[in-house]
Amino acid sequence: MDSELRNKDGLTEKEFLLQYRPGDYERPSVTVDILLFTVDPELNSLKLLLIKRGNHPYMNCWALPGGFVDMDESAFTAANRELKEETGLEGIYLEQLYTYSQPGRDPRMRVISIAYIALIPMTEAVAGDDATDTEWFDISMDSDRLLLTSKEKDITIEYLLKNKTFESGMITYDNQVPQLKSKSKLAFDHNLIIYDGLMRLRNKADYTDIVFNLMGEQFTLPDLQRVYEMVLGRKLYKKNFRDKIKDKVVNTGEEGKSIKGNKMSALYSYKK
């Protein structure tokens, strides 16, 4: 029986666990960071929620919503909890992005962060107790620049994307690394998380229905195409786009005004 198995020191599992001391080993803390994307109500830009840090480290810098994972919860549960505490949102689309574990990424201690992507139609968010301010930043990215701007607060956060070569086994590949250009900056390594998150969103928009999480219950096809274009960062041909999404939407039989163009169009909903 497994309960009678003994290790090289002659201990059963029960005996081993009784004498085990977790404090003998250094342990990192674990946090979650959330990339909360939405769209501008006028469909002019893709937006990302940032929170202005109210305490050290990186005091007064803009950061992704997030926090520490409690001992009795999973990272996914922690991400949902932090979203509700810092924005009031719950029950929304949430998927894991990557784990960020570079030593020195947090000056306080060894911290490993698990990042998540969240998507919602445009809404309001309220700062929690540990933040001084929240803001929806316009976010855009081209081949050599990642840009976050807030016209209301007159803030520009700009990173240049520099090519860097990486090796993995027999494979050598190029990737981009964000390097600060503007005076304002993001806290921690959130520039890298945001870059990775936007790349993931763009990639998944090509082969999944993830973009529909940015739409309301009903929408026009011109508005849906515009949201896809904001996510992908490029213009789409109308016929090709409609061929792509024709099996993903249902005509509701109603009409409404498109946000872009302000013309009456048929209203559609996502085909679940």
Protein backbone atom coordinates (compact mmCIF):
# COMPACT_ATOMS: atom_id res chain seq x y z
CA MET A 1 0.00 0.00 0.00
CA ASP A 2 1.11 3.60 -0.72
CA SER A 3 0.80 4.50 2.97
CA GLU A 4 3.53 1.91 3.75
CA LEU A 5 6.01 3.09 1.14
CA ARG A 6 9.22 4.43 2.67
CA ASN A 7 11.75 6.83 1.19
CA LYS A 8 15.55 6.54 1.39
CA ASP A 9 15.42 7.84 5.00
CA GLY A 10 12.95 5.13 6.00
CA LEU A 11 9.99 7.52 6.34
CA THR A 12 6.41 6.88 5.30
CA GLU A 13 4.55 9.76 3.63
CA LYS A 14 2.77 10.59 6.91
CA GLU A 15 6.05 10.64 8.81
CA PHE A 16 7.71 12.71 6.10
CA LEU A 17 4.95 15.35 6.15
CA LEU A 18 5.01 15.58 9.96
CA GLN A 19 8.71 16.51 9.99
CA TYR A 20 8.63 18.67 6.85
CA ARG A 21 9.40 22.39 7.49
CA PRO A 22 8.30 24.69 4.63
CA GLY A 23 10.12 27.58 6.28
CA ASP A 24 13.44 25.95 5.45
CA TYR A 25 12.97 27.01 1.83
CA GLU A 26 12.63 30.45 0.28
CA ARG A 27 9.22 30.96 -1.28
CA PRO A 28 8.11 33.65 -3.74
CA SER A 29 4.89 35.58 -3.45
CA VAL A 30 2.32 35.20 -6.23
CA THR A 31 0.24 37.99 -7.74
CA VAL A 32 -2.28 38.39 -10.55
CA ASP A 33 -2.38 41.21 -13.09
CA ILE A 34 -5.42 41.85 -15.28
CA LEU A 35 -5.53 43.40 -18.74
CA LEU A 36 -9.08 44.72 -18.94
CA PHE A 37 -9.89 45.67 -22.54
CA THR A 38 -12.96 47.46 -23.88
CA VAL A 39 -13.87 49.74 -26.78
CA ASP A 40 -14.52 53.46 -27.01
CA PRO A 41 -18.30 54.22 -27.07
CA GLU A 42 -17.80 56.00 -30.41
CA LEU A 43 -15.68 53.11 -31.73
CA ASN A 44 -12.64 55.30 -32.21
CA SER A 45 -10.18 53.18 -30.24
CA LEU A 46 -9.48 50.07 -28.22
CA LYS A 47 -9.13 50.88 -24.51
CA LEU A 48 -7.27 49.41 -21.54
CA LEU A 49 -7.99 50.11 -17.88
CA LEU A 50 -5.04 51.32 -15.81
CA ILE A 51 -4.86 52.24 -12.14
CA LYS A 52 -2.64 54.95 -10.71
CA ARG A 53 -0.68 53.48 -7.83
CA GLY A 54 -1.26 55.22 -4.53
CA ASN A 55 1.69 53.72 -2.66
CA HIS A 56 5.29 52.60 -3.12
CA PRO A 57 6.78 51.03 -5.16
CA TYR A 58 6.13 52.93 -8.40
CA MET A 59 3.94 55.45 -6.57
CA ASN A 60 1.95 57.63 -9.02
CA CYS A 61 2.80 55.34 -11.93
CA TRP A 62 0.05 53.69 -13.94
CA ALA A 63 -0.38 49.94 -13.56
CA LEU A 64 -2.65 47.05 -14.40
CA PRO A 65 -5.32 46.12 -11.83
CA GLY A 66 -4.23 43.20 -9.67
CA GLY A 67 -2.91 42.05 -6.34
CA PHE A 68 -1.58 39.17 -4.26
CA VAL A 69 -3.06 35.66 -4.37
CA ASP A 70 -4.34 34.55 -0.97
CA MET A 71 -3.25 31.20 0.44
CA ASP A 72 -6.74 29.73 0.15
CA GLU A 73 -7.52 30.71 -3.44
CA SER A 74 -6.43 29.87 -6.96
CA ALA A 75 -4.93 32.48 -9.28
CA PHE A 76 -8.16 32.53 -11.28
CA THR A 77 -10.20 33.15 -8.14
CA ALA A 78 -7.79 35.90 -7.11
CA ALA A 79 -8.10 37.58 -10.52
CA ASN A 80 -11.87 37.60 -10.25
CA ARG A 81 -11.69 38.94 -6.70
CA GLU A 82 -9.27 41.73 -7.64
CA LEU A 83 -11.43 42.74 -10.59
CA LYS A 84 -14.47 43.05 -8.36
CA GLU A 85 -12.58 44.93 -5.62
CA GLU A 86 -10.90 47.41 -7.94
CA THR A 87 -13.53 47.85 -10.65
CA GLY A 88 -16.81 46.41 -9.35
CA LEU A 89 -16.93 43.99 -12.30
CA GLU A 90 -17.71 40.28 -12.03
CA GLY A 91 -18.82 37.40 -14.23
CA ILE A 92 -16.92 38.64 -17.29
CA TYR A 93 -14.68 36.96 -19.87
CA LEU A 94 -11.33 36.08 -18.30
CA GLU A 95 -8.49 33.95 -19.64
CA GLN A 96 -4.93 33.31 -18.49
CA LEU A 97 -2.18 34.97 -20.52
CA TYR A 98 1.32 34.08 -19.22
CA THR A 99 3.30 33.71 -16.02
CA TYR A 100 5.93 36.40 -15.40
CA SER A 101 8.77 35.28 -13.14
CA GLN A 102 11.84 37.36 -14.01
CA PRO A 103 13.88 37.96 -10.80
CA GLY A 104 13.85 41.62 -9.79
CA ARG A 105 10.54 42.45 -11.48
CA ASP A 106 9.26 43.67 -8.10
CA PRO A 107 11.67 45.63 -5.82
CA ARG A 108 9.89 44.48 -2.65
CA MET A 109 10.55 40.75 -2.88
CA ARG A 110 10.58 37.77 -5.22
CA VAL A 111 7.17 38.00 -6.93
CA ILE A 112 5.75 35.78 -9.65
CA SER A 113 2.74 37.18 -11.49
CA ILE A 114 0.07 35.36 -13.46
CA ALA A 115 -1.53 37.68 -16.02
CA TYR A 116 -5.11 37.47 -17.28
CA ILE A 117 -6.99 39.03 -20.18
CA ALA A 118 -10.51 40.34 -19.50
CA LEU A 119 -12.94 41.74 -22.09
CA ILE A 120 -16.09 43.83 -21.65
CA PRO A 121 -18.29 46.24 -23.59
CA MET A 122 -17.63 49.85 -22.51
CA THR A 123 -18.45 50.43 -18.84
CA GLU A 124 -17.44 52.46 -15.79
CA ALA A 125 -14.85 51.37 -13.23
CA VAL A 126 -14.26 52.64 -9.70
CA ALA A 127 -10.88 52.60 -7.94
CA GLY A 128 -10.40 50.44 -4.88
CA ASP A 129 -8.82 51.43 -1.58
CA ASP A 130 -5.22 50.88 -2.75
CA ALA A 131 -5.48 53.07 -5.85
CA THR A 132 -5.75 56.84 -6.23
CA ASP A 133 -7.25 56.92 -9.71
CA THR A 134 -8.46 54.81 -12.63
CA GLU A 135 -8.51 55.67 -16.30
CA TRP A 136 -9.42 54.07 -19.61
CA PHE A 137 -6.40 54.60 -21.85
CA ASP A 138 -6.57 54.47 -25.63
CA ILE A 139 -4.18 51.72 -26.69
CA SER A 140 -2.63 51.18 -30.10
CA MET A 141 0.36 49.32 -31.45
CA ASP A 142 2.10 49.27 -34.80
CA SER A 143 5.29 47.60 -35.98
CA ASP A 144 7.59 49.73 -33.85
CA ARG A 145 5.54 51.45 -31.13
CA LEU A 146 3.19 50.70 -28.23
CA LEU A 147 1.16 53.78 -27.28
CA LEU A 148 -1.23 54.47 -24.40
CA THR A 149 -2.92 57.86 -24.18
CA SER A 150 -5.51 59.64 -22.09
CA LYS A 151 -6.76 62.89 -23.59
CA GLU A 152 -8.78 63.66 -20.46
CA LYS A 153 -5.70 63.55 -18.24
CA ASP A 154 -3.21 64.66 -20.91
CA ILE A 155 -1.05 61.54 -20.42
CA THR A 156 1.04 59.78 -23.03
CA ILE A 157 2.89 56.56 -22.28
CA GLU A 158 5.02 55.43 -25.19
CA TYR A 159 7.29 52.43 -25.68
CA LEU A 160 9.40 51.73 -28.74
CA LEU A 161 9.39 48.11 -29.87
CA LYS A 162 12.93 46.86 -30.40
CA ASN A 163 13.71 43.54 -32.06
CA LYS A 164 15.63 41.03 -29.96
CA THR A 165 16.85 37.55 -30.86
CA PHE A 166 16.05 34.60 -28.59
CA GLU A 167 17.14 30.97 -28.65
CA SER A 168 15.09 27.95 -27.66
CA GLY A 169 16.75 24.61 -28.28
CA MET A 170 17.62 24.43 -31.96
CA ILE A 171 15.32 27.35 -32.80
CA THR A 172 16.39 30.98 -33.08
CA TYR A 173 13.63 33.56 -33.35
CA ASP A 174 13.09 37.32 -33.17
CA ASN A 175 10.65 39.02 -30.85
CA GLN A 176 9.95 42.61 -29.83
CA VAL A 177 10.81 44.16 -26.46
CA PRO A 178 9.18 47.45 -25.32
CA GLN A 179 11.63 50.21 -24.37
CA LEU A 180 10.43 53.40 -22.68
CA LYS A 181 10.42 56.60 -24.75
CA SER A 182 8.01 58.91 -22.88
CA LYS A 183 8.44 60.63 -19.52
CA SER A 184 5.47 58.75 -18.07
CA LYS A 185 5.96 55.02 -17.57
CA LEU A 186 4.15 51.92 -16.44
CA ALA A 187 4.84 50.21 -13.12
CA PHE A 188 6.84 46.98 -12.79
CA ASP A 189 7.07 45.04 -16.09
CA HIS A 190 3.51 45.88 -17.10
CA ASN A 191 4.77 47.21 -20.44
CA LEU A 192 5.75 43.66 -21.38
CA ILE A 193 2.49 42.20 -20.06
CA ILE A 194 0.46 44.70 -22.08
CA TYR A 195 2.47 43.98 -25.23
CA ASP A 196 1.99 40.23 -24.79
CA GLY A 197 -1.70 40.67 -24.00
CA LEU A 198 -2.41 42.76 -27.07
CA MET A 199 -0.54 40.28 -29.26
CA ARG A 200 -2.56 37.41 -27.78
CA LEU A 201 -5.82 39.30 -28.36
CA ARG A 202 -4.89 40.00 -31.97
CA ASN A 203 -3.87 36.40 -32.63
CA LYS A 204 -7.02 34.94 -31.09
CA ALA A 205 -9.23 37.39 -33.00
CA ASP A 206 -8.16 35.61 -36.18
CA TYR A 207 -9.24 32.10 -35.14
CA THR A 208 -11.72 32.40 -32.23
CA ASP A 209 -14.85 34.40 -31.37
CA ILE A 210 -13.10 36.34 -28.59
CA VAL A 211 -13.95 39.76 -30.06
CA PHE A 212 -17.67 39.26 -29.44
CA ASN A 213 -16.96 39.81 -25.74
CA LEU A 214 -16.36 43.47 -26.63
CA MET A 215 -19.83 43.81 -28.21
CA GLY A 216 -23.20 44.35 -26.58
CA GLU A 217 -26.09 41.93 -26.86
CA GLN A 218 -27.05 43.46 -30.23
CA PHE A 219 -24.88 45.17 -32.82
CA THR A 220 -24.68 46.11 -36.48
CA LEU A 221 -22.22 44.45 -38.83
CA PRO A 222 -20.43 47.75 -39.63
CA ASP A 223 -19.82 48.26 -35.90
CA LEU A 224 -18.65 44.66 -35.47
CA GLN A 225 -16.20 45.11 -38.33
CA ARG A 226 -14.91 48.33 -36.77
CA VAL A 227 -14.25 46.58 -33.45
CA TYR A 228 -12.36 43.81 -35.24
CA GLU A 229 -10.27 46.46 -37.00
CA MET A 230 -9.44 48.17 -33.70
CA VAL A 231 -8.34 44.88 -32.17
CA LEU A 232 -6.32 43.75 -35.19
CA GLY A 233 -4.84 47.18 -35.86
CA ARG A 234 -5.62 47.06 -39.59
CA LYS A 235 -8.43 47.68 -42.06
CA LEU A 236 -10.54 44.76 -43.29
CA TYR A 237 -12.31 44.24 -46.61
CA LYS A 238 -16.08 44.26 -46.11
CA LYS A 239 -16.84 41.14 -48.19
CA ASN A 240 -14.04 39.07 -46.69
CA PHE A 241 -15.05 40.08 -43.18
CA ARG A 242 -18.71 39.22 -43.68
CA ASP A 243 -17.82 35.87 -45.20
CA LYS A 244 -15.73 35.16 -42.12
CA ILE A 245 -18.41 35.98 -39.52
CA LYS A 246 -21.61 34.96 -41.38
CA ASP A 247 -21.94 31.70 -39.43
CA LYS A 248 -21.20 33.40 -36.10
CA VAL A 249 -24.08 35.90 -36.03
CA VAL A 250 -27.89 35.83 -36.12
CA ASN A 251 -30.14 38.52 -37.60
CA THR A 252 -32.51 39.65 -34.82
CA GLY A 253 -35.07 41.05 -37.26
CA GLU A 254 -34.65 44.50 -35.75
CA GLU A 255 -32.86 47.62 -36.94
CA GLY A 256 -30.70 50.18 -35.19
CA LYS A 257 -28.22 52.93 -35.92
CA SER A 258 -24.61 52.00 -36.46
CA ILE A 259 -22.27 53.95 -34.21
CA LYS A 260 -19.88 54.47 -37.12
CA GLY A 261 -21.72 56.15 -39.95
CA ASN A 262 -24.94 56.75 -37.98
CA LYS A 263 -27.01 54.79 -40.51
CA MET A 264 -29.87 52.38 -39.90
CA SER A 265 -28.71 48.78 -40.23
CA ALA A 266 -29.91 45.32 -39.31
CA LEU A 267 -29.14 44.31 -35.74
CA TYR A 268 -27.37 41.03 -35.09
CA SER A 269 -26.50 38.97 -32.04
CA TYR A 270 -23.78 36.41 -31.40
CA LYS A 271 -24.75 32.86 -32.38
CA LYS A 272 -24.00 30.83 -29.25
